[in-house]
Amino acid sequence: MVLLPRLKILLLLTIFSIIFTTTMPAAYGQELHPNVETGIQAYYEAQFDKALTILTDVILSGELDQTSHFEAQKYIAFTLVRKNEPDHIVARAFDDCVRIDPTRTLDVFKTPPDLLAKFNDARTRLLGSLHIISAPEHAQIHGIHDRTKNEISGTTPLFFDALLAGSYTVTLTLEKYKDKTVSFDVRPASTDTVRIDLLPESTSFLKKWWVWTGGGVVAAATVAAILISQKESKPKESGLPYPPVRPQ
């Protein structure tokens, strides 16, 4: 009687494994690293220790792109849940997953509810939203998270709905305006607005002096040229002839 439930579980795991094997390679439209696929396969076969070993080793190798890294860390977190590891260890694994790509979400139709809830809890702990506006608008933004070095960029007005909480340093650039660099904090589970005013570029005194003196020299040279031209074109004066000698 005890064997029947176990057989059912094995049968379900086998079905999930078959379904997963036929659909796994196209995660987010990209091929996964072969070792990541192997580790995920071990997870669906309930070989949790094997899955942890494979996925941990491939992450430590440093060979993964962002998508494969995210998937590997996600299934490490899933595996820890299925192994009934302590909550703080599970939470840390999901936090690491969110940090890899804060914009990534999970499919609500394909992810078990308990795993989806833990993943979303991590997003709530770590992410905030930010609205950046500038005066004038259409300034280019380039910023970086001071700790993780995650980059943000775009054109104002700009809204980010999934930023890692923490301190950011951003630089705004706009033609004919001075560049401006500011720092601010993004708070988890909140939406903040940052307004940045840009100042027009000002002409330096030296540059103005050259314009003034250059203009004065040109004007003086022009006046002198006109006077010389007028002097050269003026006809020379000649004396009148003497009257003829009166006859004696």
C-alpha atoms as a PDB file:
ATOM      1  CA  MET A   1       0.000   0.000   0.000  1.00  0.00           C
ATOM      2  CA  VAL A   2       2.897   2.346   0.730  1.00  0.00           C
ATOM      3  CA  LEU A   3       4.414   1.742  -2.695  1.00  0.00           C
ATOM      4  CA  LEU A   4       1.399   3.039  -4.598  1.00  0.00           C
ATOM      5  CA  PRO A   5       1.800   6.735  -3.668  1.00  0.00           C
ATOM      6  CA  ARG A   6       5.520   6.518  -4.451  1.00  0.00           C
ATOM      7  CA  LEU A   7       4.800   5.006  -7.839  1.00  0.00           C
ATOM      8  CA  LYS A   8       2.370   7.821  -8.559  1.00  0.00           C
ATOM      9  CA  ILE A   9       4.991  10.382  -7.617  1.00  0.00           C
ATOM     10  CA  LEU A  10       7.591   8.718  -9.827  1.00  0.00           C
ATOM     11  CA  LEU A  11       5.119   8.555 -12.686  1.00  0.00           C
ATOM     12  CA  LEU A  12       4.312  12.262 -12.351  1.00  0.00           C
ATOM     13  CA  LEU A  13       7.987  13.170 -12.187  1.00  0.00           C
ATOM     14  CA  THR A  14       8.619  11.112 -15.313  1.00  0.00           C
ATOM     15  CA  ILE A  15       5.813  12.909 -17.149  1.00  0.00           C
ATOM     16  CA  PHE A  16       7.147  16.299 -16.054  1.00  0.00           C
ATOM     17  CA  SER A  17      10.618  15.264 -17.155  1.00  0.00           C
ATOM     18  CA  ILE A  18       9.387  14.293 -20.634  1.00  0.00           C
ATOM     19  CA  ILE A  19       7.411  17.505 -21.034  1.00  0.00           C
ATOM     20  CA  PHE A  20      10.291  19.600 -19.747  1.00  0.00           C
ATOM     21  CA  THR A  21      12.840  17.912 -21.989  1.00  0.00           C
ATOM     22  CA  THR A  22      10.832  18.827 -25.091  1.00  0.00           C
ATOM     23  CA  THR A  23      10.324  22.468 -24.108  1.00  0.00           C
ATOM     24  CA  MET A  24      13.383  23.433 -22.065  1.00  0.00           C
ATOM     25  CA  PRO A  25      15.908  24.551 -24.743  1.00  0.00           C
ATOM     26  CA  ALA A  26      13.951  27.659 -25.740  1.00  0.00           C
ATOM     27  CA  ALA A  27      14.071  29.431 -22.380  1.00  0.00           C
ATOM     28  CA  TYR A  28      13.444  33.118 -23.147  1.00  0.00           C
ATOM     29  CA  GLY A  29      14.195  32.368 -26.794  1.00  0.00           C
ATOM     30  CA  GLN A  30      17.796  31.421 -26.058  1.00  0.00           C
ATOM     31  CA  GLU A  31      19.739  28.196 -25.787  1.00  0.00           C
ATOM     32  CA  LEU A  32      20.888  27.349 -22.282  1.00  0.00           C
ATOM     33  CA  HIS A  33      24.356  26.189 -21.356  1.00  0.00           C
ATOM     34  CA  PRO A  34      24.446  22.357 -21.658  1.00  0.00           C
ATOM     35  CA  ASN A  35      25.384  21.903 -17.993  1.00  0.00           C
ATOM     36  CA  VAL A  36      22.489  24.093 -16.944  1.00  0.00           C
ATOM     37  CA  GLU A  37      20.126  21.915 -18.958  1.00  0.00           C
ATOM     38  CA  THR A  38      21.615  18.810 -17.314  1.00  0.00           C
ATOM     39  CA  GLY A  39      21.170  20.297 -13.855  1.00  0.00           C
ATOM     40  CA  ILE A  40      17.582  21.271 -14.552  1.00  0.00           C
ATOM     41  CA  GLN A  41      16.872  17.798 -15.879  1.00  0.00           C
ATOM     42  CA  ALA A  42      18.204  16.348 -12.619  1.00  0.00           C
ATOM     43  CA  TYR A  43      15.833  18.625 -10.699  1.00  0.00           C
ATOM     44  CA  TYR A  44      12.804  17.336 -12.597  1.00  0.00           C
ATOM     45  CA  GLU A  45      13.976  13.778 -11.969  1.00  0.00           C
ATOM     46  CA  ALA A  46      14.009  14.582  -8.224  1.00  0.00           C
ATOM     47  CA  GLN A  47      17.790  14.097  -8.066  1.00  0.00           C
ATOM     48  CA  PHE A  48      18.127  17.211  -5.970  1.00  0.00           C
ATOM     49  CA  ASP A  49      21.680  16.739  -4.689  1.00  0.00           C
ATOM     50  CA  LYS A  50      22.893  16.079  -8.208  1.00  0.00           C
ATOM     51  CA  ALA A  51      21.050  19.149  -9.487  1.00  0.00           C
ATOM     52  CA  LEU A  52      22.615  21.350  -6.804  1.00  0.00           C
ATOM     53  CA  THR A  53      26.110  20.085  -7.563  1.00  0.00           C
ATOM     54  CA  ILE A  54      25.832  20.553 -11.331  1.00  0.00           C
ATOM     55  CA  LEU A  55      24.190  23.973 -11.177  1.00  0.00           C
ATOM     56  CA  THR A  56      26.508  25.320  -8.475  1.00  0.00           C
ATOM     57  CA  ASP A  57      29.618  24.149 -10.336  1.00  0.00           C
ATOM     58  CA  VAL A  58      28.550  25.669 -13.644  1.00  0.00           C
ATOM     59  CA  ILE A  59      27.816  29.018 -11.964  1.00  0.00           C
ATOM     60  CA  LEU A  60      31.244  29.017 -10.321  1.00  0.00           C
ATOM     61  CA  SER A  61      32.860  28.316 -13.695  1.00  0.00           C
ATOM     62  CA  GLY A  62      31.960  31.819 -14.867  1.00  0.00           C
ATOM     63  CA  GLU A  63      31.006  30.529 -18.320  1.00  0.00           C
ATOM     64  CA  LEU A  64      27.333  31.537 -18.283  1.00  0.00           C
ATOM     65  CA  ASP A  65      25.541  34.331 -20.055  1.00  0.00           C
ATOM     66  CA  GLN A  66      22.844  36.179 -18.151  1.00  0.00           C
ATOM     67  CA  THR A  67      19.979  33.917 -19.229  1.00  0.00           C
ATOM     68  CA  SER A  68      21.759  30.672 -18.342  1.00  0.00           C
ATOM     69  CA  HIS A  69      22.979  32.211 -15.078  1.00  0.00           C
ATOM     70  CA  PHE A  70      19.446  33.239 -14.128  1.00  0.00           C
ATOM     71  CA  GLU A  71      18.021  29.798 -14.946  1.00  0.00           C
ATOM     72  CA  ALA A  72      20.758  28.006 -13.012  1.00  0.00           C
ATOM     73  CA  GLN A  73      20.239  30.161  -9.925  1.00  0.00           C
ATOM     74  CA  LYS A  74      16.465  29.857 -10.198  1.00  0.00           C
ATOM     75  CA  TYR A  75      16.608  26.070 -10.165  1.00  0.00           C
ATOM     76  CA  ILE A  76      19.073  26.109  -7.290  1.00  0.00           C
ATOM     77  CA  ALA A  77      16.433  28.045  -5.347  1.00  0.00           C
ATOM     78  CA  PHE A  78      13.708  25.639  -6.477  1.00  0.00           C
ATOM     79  CA  THR A  79      15.830  22.665  -5.421  1.00  0.00           C
ATOM     80  CA  LEU A  80      16.464  24.113  -1.973  1.00  0.00           C
ATOM     81  CA  VAL A  81      12.729  24.503  -1.478  1.00  0.00           C
ATOM     82  CA  ARG A  82      12.114  20.899  -2.479  1.00  0.00           C
ATOM     83  CA  LYS A  83      14.851  19.771  -0.069  1.00  0.00           C
ATOM     84  CA  ASN A  84      13.097  21.658   2.759  1.00  0.00           C
ATOM     85  CA  GLU A  85      16.149  23.771   3.503  1.00  0.00           C
ATOM     86  CA  PRO A  86      15.822  26.561   6.118  1.00  0.00           C
ATOM     87  CA  ASP A  87      13.873  29.636   5.045  1.00  0.00           C
ATOM     88  CA  HIS A  88      16.847  32.007   5.248  1.00  0.00           C
ATOM     89  CA  ILE A  89      18.883  29.816   2.876  1.00  0.00           C
ATOM     90  CA  VAL A  90      15.995  29.598   0.437  1.00  0.00           C
ATOM     91  CA  ALA A  91      15.400  33.364   0.628  1.00  0.00           C
ATOM     92  CA  ARG A  92      19.077  34.068  -0.082  1.00  0.00           C
ATOM     93  CA  ALA A  93      18.983  31.832  -3.156  1.00  0.00           C
ATOM     94  CA  PHE A  94      15.926  33.621  -4.545  1.00  0.00           C
ATOM     95  CA  ASP A  95      17.528  36.999  -3.765  1.00  0.00           C
ATOM     96  CA  ASP A  96      20.596  36.009  -5.782  1.00  0.00           C
ATOM     97  CA  CYS A  97      18.308  35.018  -8.640  1.00  0.00           C
ATOM     98  CA  VAL A  98      16.583  38.414  -8.675  1.00  0.00           C
ATOM     99  CA  ARG A  99      19.907  40.273  -8.546  1.00  0.00           C
ATOM    100  CA  ILE A 100      21.087  38.524 -11.718  1.00  0.00           C
ATOM    101  CA  ASP A 101      18.266  40.097 -13.735  1.00  0.00           C
ATOM    102  CA  PRO A 102      15.858  42.369 -11.812  1.00  0.00           C
ATOM    103  CA  THR A 103      13.577  42.699 -14.854  1.00  0.00           C
ATOM    104  CA  ARG A 104      12.920  38.955 -15.188  1.00  0.00           C
ATOM    105  CA  THR A 105       9.612  37.517 -14.015  1.00  0.00           C
ATOM    106  CA  LEU A 106       8.310  33.943 -13.875  1.00  0.00           C
ATOM    107  CA  ASP A 107       5.499  32.438 -15.911  1.00  0.00           C
ATOM    108  CA  VAL A 108       2.508  32.165 -13.589  1.00  0.00           C
ATOM    109  CA  PHE A 109       1.098  29.276 -15.608  1.00  0.00           C
ATOM    110  CA  LYS A 110       4.261  27.163 -15.536  1.00  0.00           C
ATOM    111  CA  THR A 111       5.657  27.897 -12.077  1.00  0.00           C
ATOM    112  CA  PRO A 112       4.269  26.101  -9.011  1.00  0.00           C
ATOM    113  CA  PRO A 113       2.459  28.586  -6.740  1.00  0.00           C
ATOM    114  CA  ASP A 114       4.729  28.070  -3.716  1.00  0.00           C
ATOM    115  CA  LEU A 115       7.868  28.715  -5.785  1.00  0.00           C
ATOM    116  CA  LEU A 116       6.295  31.684  -7.534  1.00  0.00           C
ATOM    117  CA  ALA A 117       5.363  33.214  -4.171  1.00  0.00           C
ATOM    118  CA  LYS A 118       8.923  32.909  -2.836  1.00  0.00           C
ATOM    119  CA  PHE A 119      10.345  34.430  -6.014  1.00  0.00           C
ATOM    120  CA  ASN A 120       7.918  37.359  -5.859  1.00  0.00           C
ATOM    121  CA  ASP A 121       8.724  37.862  -2.171  1.00  0.00           C
ATOM    122  CA  ALA A 122      12.358  38.293  -3.168  1.00  0.00           C
ATOM    123  CA  ARG A 123      11.405  40.881  -5.796  1.00  0.00           C
ATOM    124  CA  THR A 124       9.440  42.801  -3.169  1.00  0.00           C
ATOM    125  CA  ARG A 125      12.418  42.746  -0.793  1.00  0.00           C
ATOM    126  CA  LEU A 126      14.915  43.910  -3.385  1.00  0.00           C
ATOM    127  CA  LEU A 127      13.220  46.033  -6.031  1.00  0.00           C
ATOM    128  CA  GLY A 128      11.768  49.509  -6.223  1.00  0.00           C
ATOM    129  CA  SER A 129      10.419  51.818  -8.924  1.00  0.00           C
ATOM    130  CA  LEU A 130      11.816  55.153 -10.033  1.00  0.00           C
ATOM    131  CA  HIS A 131      10.579  58.011 -12.208  1.00  0.00           C
ATOM    132  CA  ILE A 132      13.316  60.347 -13.489  1.00  0.00           C
ATOM    133  CA  ILE A 133      12.333  63.675 -15.029  1.00  0.00           C
ATOM    134  CA  SER A 134      14.511  66.554 -16.141  1.00  0.00           C
ATOM    135  CA  ALA A 135      14.064  70.184 -17.063  1.00  0.00           C
ATOM    136  CA  PRO A 136      14.356  70.454 -19.992  1.00  0.00           C
ATOM    137  CA  GLU A 137      13.291  66.987 -21.131  1.00  0.00           C
ATOM    138  CA  HIS A 138      14.970  64.556 -23.552  1.00  0.00           C
ATOM    139  CA  ALA A 139      18.247  64.406 -21.627  1.00  0.00           C
ATOM    140  CA  GLN A 140      20.332  61.249 -21.973  1.00  0.00           C
ATOM    141  CA  ILE A 141      20.784  59.271 -18.757  1.00  0.00           C
ATOM    142  CA  HIS A 142      23.548  56.854 -17.885  1.00  0.00           C
ATOM    143  CA  GLY A 143      23.704  55.504 -14.354  1.00  0.00           C
ATOM    144  CA  ILE A 144      25.119  52.685 -12.278  1.00  0.00           C
ATOM    145  CA  HIS A 145      24.216  50.918  -9.038  1.00  0.00           C
ATOM    146  CA  ASP A 146      27.012  51.806  -6.637  1.00  0.00           C
ATOM    147  CA  ARG A 147      27.322  48.258  -5.229  1.00  0.00           C
ATOM    148  CA  THR A 148      26.262  45.788  -7.918  1.00  0.00           C
ATOM    149  CA  LYS A 149      27.391  47.967 -10.870  1.00  0.00           C
ATOM    150  CA  ASN A 150      24.112  47.252 -12.699  1.00  0.00           C
ATOM    151  CA  GLU A 151      23.648  49.956 -15.343  1.00  0.00           C
ATOM    152  CA  ILE A 152      20.597  52.000 -16.286  1.00  0.00           C
ATOM    153  CA  SER A 153      20.152  54.255 -19.302  1.00  0.00           C
ATOM    154  CA  GLY A 154      17.511  56.034 -21.360  1.00  0.00           C
ATOM    155  CA  THR A 155      16.024  59.421 -22.205  1.00  0.00           C
ATOM    156  CA  THR A 156      13.981  61.582 -19.854  1.00  0.00           C
ATOM    157  CA  PRO A 157      11.227  61.342 -18.827  1.00  0.00           C
ATOM    158  CA  LEU A 158      12.065  57.775 -17.829  1.00  0.00           C
ATOM    159  CA  PHE A 159      10.338  55.192 -15.627  1.00  0.00           C
ATOM    160  CA  PHE A 160      11.937  52.075 -14.154  1.00  0.00           C
ATOM    161  CA  ASP A 161       9.578  49.615 -12.517  1.00  0.00           C
ATOM    162  CA  ALA A 162      12.160  47.027 -11.410  1.00  0.00           C
ATOM    163  CA  LEU A 163      15.355  48.559 -10.046  1.00  0.00           C
ATOM    164  CA  LEU A 164      17.538  46.989  -7.396  1.00  0.00           C
ATOM    165  CA  ALA A 165      17.191  48.977  -4.200  1.00  0.00           C
ATOM    166  CA  GLY A 166      20.263  50.930  -3.160  1.00  0.00           C
ATOM    167  CA  SER A 167      22.317  53.934  -4.159  1.00  0.00           C
ATOM    168  CA  TYR A 168      22.698  55.017  -7.786  1.00  0.00           C
ATOM    169  CA  THR A 169      24.913  57.593  -9.459  1.00  0.00           C
ATOM    170  CA  VAL A 170      23.580  58.975 -12.750  1.00  0.00           C
ATOM    171  CA  THR A 171      24.832  61.517 -15.269  1.00  0.00           C
ATOM    172  CA  LEU A 172      22.507  63.553 -17.506  1.00  0.00           C
ATOM    173  CA  THR A 173      23.685  65.056 -20.778  1.00  0.00           C
ATOM    174  CA  LEU A 174      21.866  67.382 -23.172  1.00  0.00           C
ATOM    175  CA  GLU A 175      23.181  69.493 -26.014  1.00  0.00           C
ATOM    176  CA  LYS A 176      23.739  73.153 -25.040  1.00  0.00           C
ATOM    177  CA  TYR A 177      23.377  72.280 -21.329  1.00  0.00           C
ATOM    178  CA  LYS A 178      25.934  71.424 -18.696  1.00  0.00           C
ATOM    179  CA  ASP A 179      26.312  67.746 -17.785  1.00  0.00           C
ATOM    180  CA  LYS A 180      24.981  66.986 -14.343  1.00  0.00           C
ATOM    181  CA  THR A 181      25.802  64.039 -12.055  1.00  0.00           C
ATOM    182  CA  VAL A 182      23.605  63.222  -9.074  1.00  0.00           C
ATOM    183  CA  SER A 183      23.206  60.393  -6.570  1.00  0.00           C
ATOM    184  CA  PHE A 184      19.999  59.060  -5.060  1.00  0.00           C
ATOM    185  CA  ASP A 185      18.588  55.994  -3.313  1.00  0.00           C
ATOM    186  CA  VAL A 186      15.952  53.568  -4.594  1.00  0.00           C
ATOM    187  CA  ARG A 187      13.828  52.114  -1.812  1.00  0.00           C
ATOM    188  CA  PRO A 188      12.431  48.578  -1.986  1.00  0.00           C
ATOM    189  CA  ALA A 189       8.686  48.166  -2.564  1.00  0.00           C
ATOM    190  CA  SER A 190       8.214  51.889  -3.267  1.00  0.00           C
ATOM    191  CA  THR A 191       8.004  54.323  -6.170  1.00  0.00           C
ATOM    192  CA  ASP A 192      10.094  57.491  -6.044  1.00  0.00           C
ATOM    193  CA  THR A 193      10.410  60.482  -8.362  1.00  0.00           C
ATOM    194  CA  VAL A 194      13.638  62.373  -9.012  1.00  0.00           C
ATOM    195  CA  ARG A 195      13.638  65.757 -10.777  1.00  0.00           C
ATOM    196  CA  ILE A 196      16.902  67.075 -12.160  1.00  0.00           C
ATOM    197  CA  ASP A 197      17.292  70.640 -13.462  1.00  0.00           C
ATOM    198  CA  LEU A 198      19.948  71.272 -16.097  1.00  0.00           C
ATOM    199  CA  LEU A 199      21.760  74.600 -16.509  1.00  0.00           C
ATOM    200  CA  PRO A 200      22.523  76.132 -19.913  1.00  0.00           C
ATOM    201  CA  GLU A 201      26.129  76.210 -20.979  1.00  0.00           C
ATOM    202  CA  SER A 202      27.743  79.571 -20.205  1.00  0.00           C
ATOM    203  CA  THR A 203      30.428  81.211 -22.366  1.00  0.00           C
ATOM    204  CA  SER A 204      33.653  81.694 -20.445  1.00  0.00           C
ATOM    205  CA  PHE A 205      35.104  85.178 -19.877  1.00  0.00           C
ATOM    206  CA  LEU A 206      38.152  84.307 -21.965  1.00  0.00           C
ATOM    207  CA  LYS A 207      35.979  83.234 -24.856  1.00  0.00           C
ATOM    208  CA  LYS A 208      33.899  86.426 -24.571  1.00  0.00           C
ATOM    209  CA  TRP A 209      37.100  88.543 -24.429  1.00  0.00           C
ATOM    210  CA  TRP A 210      38.325  87.024 -27.659  1.00  0.00           C
ATOM    211  CA  VAL A 211      34.966  87.705 -29.272  1.00  0.00           C
ATOM    212  CA  TRP A 212      34.959  91.308 -28.099  1.00  0.00           C
ATOM    213  CA  THR A 213      38.596  92.087 -29.003  1.00  0.00           C
ATOM    214  CA  GLY A 214      38.344  90.134 -32.235  1.00  0.00           C
ATOM    215  CA  GLY A 215      35.248  92.061 -33.192  1.00  0.00           C
ATOM    216  CA  GLY A 216      36.939  95.356 -32.264  1.00  0.00           C
ATOM    217  CA  VAL A 217      39.996  94.582 -34.368  1.00  0.00           C
ATOM    218  CA  VAL A 218      37.844  93.637 -37.325  1.00  0.00           C
ATOM    219  CA  ALA A 219      35.778  96.817 -36.988  1.00  0.00           C
ATOM    220  CA  ALA A 220      38.862  99.007 -36.676  1.00  0.00           C
ATOM    221  CA  ALA A 221      40.480  97.350 -39.668  1.00  0.00           C
ATOM    222  CA  THR A 222      37.297  97.849 -41.696  1.00  0.00           C
ATOM    223  CA  VAL A 223      37.126 101.582 -40.839  1.00  0.00           C
ATOM    224  CA  ALA A 224      40.814 102.042 -41.666  1.00  0.00           C
ATOM    225  CA  ALA A 225      40.370 100.283 -44.996  1.00  0.00           C
ATOM    226  CA  ILE A 226      37.434 102.550 -45.878  1.00  0.00           C
ATOM    227  CA  LEU A 227      39.386 105.692 -45.020  1.00  0.00           C
ATOM    228  CA  ILE A 228      42.391 104.553 -47.038  1.00  0.00           C
ATOM    229  CA  SER A 229      40.147 103.696 -49.959  1.00  0.00           C
ATOM    230  CA  GLN A 230      38.463 107.074 -49.839  1.00  0.00           C
ATOM    231  CA  LYS A 231      41.836 108.817 -49.645  1.00  0.00           C
ATOM    232  CA  GLU A 232      43.187 106.940 -52.636  1.00  0.00           C
ATOM    233  CA  SER A 233      40.092 107.563 -54.763  1.00  0.00           C
ATOM    234  CA  LYS A 234      39.962 111.369 -54.107  1.00  0.00           C
ATOM    235  CA  PRO A 235      41.228 113.320 -57.166  1.00  0.00           C
ATOM    236  CA  LYS A 236      44.335 115.396 -56.751  1.00  0.00           C
ATOM    237  CA  GLU A 237      43.773 119.181 -56.642  1.00  0.00           C
ATOM    238  CA  SER A 238      45.476 121.202 -59.417  1.00  0.00           C
ATOM    239  CA  GLY A 239      46.001 124.983 -59.476  1.00  0.00           C
ATOM    240  CA  LEU A 240      44.095 127.259 -61.937  1.00  0.00           C
ATOM    241  CA  PRO A 241      46.118 128.611 -64.924  1.00  0.00           C
ATOM    242  CA  TYR A 242      47.304 132.128 -64.737  1.00  0.00           C
ATOM    243  CA  PRO A 243      45.401 134.646 -66.937  1.00  0.00           C
ATOM    244  CA  PRO A 244      47.099 135.512 -70.212  1.00  0.00           C
ATOM    245  CA  VAL A 245      49.418 138.507 -70.312  1.00  0.00           C
ATOM    246  CA  ARG A 246      47.627 141.595 -71.373  1.00  0.00           C
ATOM    247  CA  PRO A 247      49.075 142.990 -74.607  1.00  0.00           C
ATOM    248  CA  GLN A 248      51.072 146.213 -74.320  1.00  0.00           C
END
